[in-house]
Amino acid sequence: MPLRFFVGGGGYDFDNLVVKDAVTAMRIRGPVAQRIHGVPDGTIIRLPVP
């Protein structure tokens, strides 16, 4: 799983990746995917950090 999401400017290299359990990864990525779905490129998105 990327530490910094690719759509947020994260790189496609090993330094940006970390191993996570599949369920944990889906719980992290799900809300992000819902927020960015259908949003035009360049839109500023604020995600709450619990």
C-alpha atoms as a PDB file:
ATOM      1  CA  MET A   1       0.000   0.000   0.000  1.00  0.00           C
ATOM      2  CA  PRO A   2       1.429   3.437  -0.828  1.00  0.00           C
ATOM      3  CA  LEU A   3       2.346   5.702   2.067  1.00  0.00           C
ATOM      4  CA  ARG A   4       1.407   8.683  -0.090  1.00  0.00           C
ATOM      5  CA  PHE A   5      -1.359   7.818  -2.544  1.00  0.00           C
ATOM      6  CA  PHE A   6      -0.441   7.885  -6.224  1.00  0.00           C
ATOM      7  CA  VAL A   7      -3.312  10.280  -6.983  1.00  0.00           C
ATOM      8  CA  GLY A   8      -1.878  12.574  -4.297  1.00  0.00           C
ATOM      9  CA  GLY A   9       1.551  12.753  -5.876  1.00  0.00           C
ATOM     10  CA  GLY A  10       3.107   9.640  -4.337  1.00  0.00           C
ATOM     11  CA  GLY A  11       5.817   7.927  -6.337  1.00  0.00           C
ATOM     12  CA  TYR A  12       5.741   4.464  -7.865  1.00  0.00           C
ATOM     13  CA  ASP A  13       8.830   3.267  -6.024  1.00  0.00           C
ATOM     14  CA  PHE A  14       9.584   0.953  -3.105  1.00  0.00           C
ATOM     15  CA  ASP A  15      10.250   3.859  -0.728  1.00  0.00           C
ATOM     16  CA  ASN A  16       6.574   4.831  -1.000  1.00  0.00           C
ATOM     17  CA  LEU A  17       5.202   1.335  -0.305  1.00  0.00           C
ATOM     18  CA  VAL A  18       4.402  -0.484   2.929  1.00  0.00           C
ATOM     19  CA  VAL A  19       2.915  -3.925   3.561  1.00  0.00           C
ATOM     20  CA  LYS A  20      -0.567  -3.894   5.137  1.00  0.00           C
ATOM     21  CA  ASP A  21      -3.213  -6.557   5.720  1.00  0.00           C
ATOM     22  CA  ALA A  22      -5.766  -6.500   2.871  1.00  0.00           C
ATOM     23  CA  VAL A  23      -8.689  -5.597   5.167  1.00  0.00           C
ATOM     24  CA  THR A  24      -6.741  -2.745   6.764  1.00  0.00           C
ATOM     25  CA  ALA A  25      -5.696  -1.431   3.353  1.00  0.00           C
ATOM     26  CA  MET A  26      -9.294  -1.482   2.072  1.00  0.00           C
ATOM     27  CA  ARG A  27     -10.547   0.349   5.164  1.00  0.00           C
ATOM     28  CA  ILE A  28      -7.951   3.057   4.574  1.00  0.00           C
ATOM     29  CA  ARG A  29      -8.451   3.377   0.822  1.00  0.00           C
ATOM     30  CA  GLY A  30     -12.253   3.067   0.744  1.00  0.00           C
ATOM     31  CA  PRO A  31     -13.080   6.498   2.203  1.00  0.00           C
ATOM     32  CA  VAL A  32     -10.394   8.112   0.059  1.00  0.00           C
ATOM     33  CA  ALA A  33     -11.806   6.515  -3.100  1.00  0.00           C
ATOM     34  CA  GLN A  34     -15.312   7.700  -2.191  1.00  0.00           C
ATOM     35  CA  ARG A  35     -14.107  11.277  -1.687  1.00  0.00           C
ATOM     36  CA  ILE A  36     -12.134  11.527  -4.940  1.00  0.00           C
ATOM     37  CA  HIS A  37     -14.560   9.660  -7.231  1.00  0.00           C
ATOM     38  CA  GLY A  38     -15.722  11.967  -9.994  1.00  0.00           C
ATOM     39  CA  VAL A  39     -13.753  14.975  -8.745  1.00  0.00           C
ATOM     40  CA  PRO A  40     -12.067  16.996 -11.513  1.00  0.00           C
ATOM     41  CA  ASP A  41      -8.266  17.025 -11.681  1.00  0.00           C
ATOM     42  CA  GLY A  42      -6.675  19.764  -9.614  1.00  0.00           C
ATOM     43  CA  THR A  43      -9.439  19.884  -6.992  1.00  0.00           C
ATOM     44  CA  ILE A  44      -8.206  20.317  -3.431  1.00  0.00           C
ATOM     45  CA  ILE A  45      -9.519  17.539  -1.189  1.00  0.00           C
ATOM     46  CA  ARG A  46      -9.343  17.611   2.592  1.00  0.00           C
ATOM     47  CA  LEU A  47      -9.428  14.251   4.326  1.00  0.00           C
ATOM     48  CA  PRO A  48      -9.927  14.037   8.073  1.00  0.00           C
ATOM     49  CA  VAL A  49      -7.172  12.199   9.918  1.00  0.00           C
ATOM     50  CA  PRO A  50      -8.507  10.218  12.885  1.00  0.00           C
END
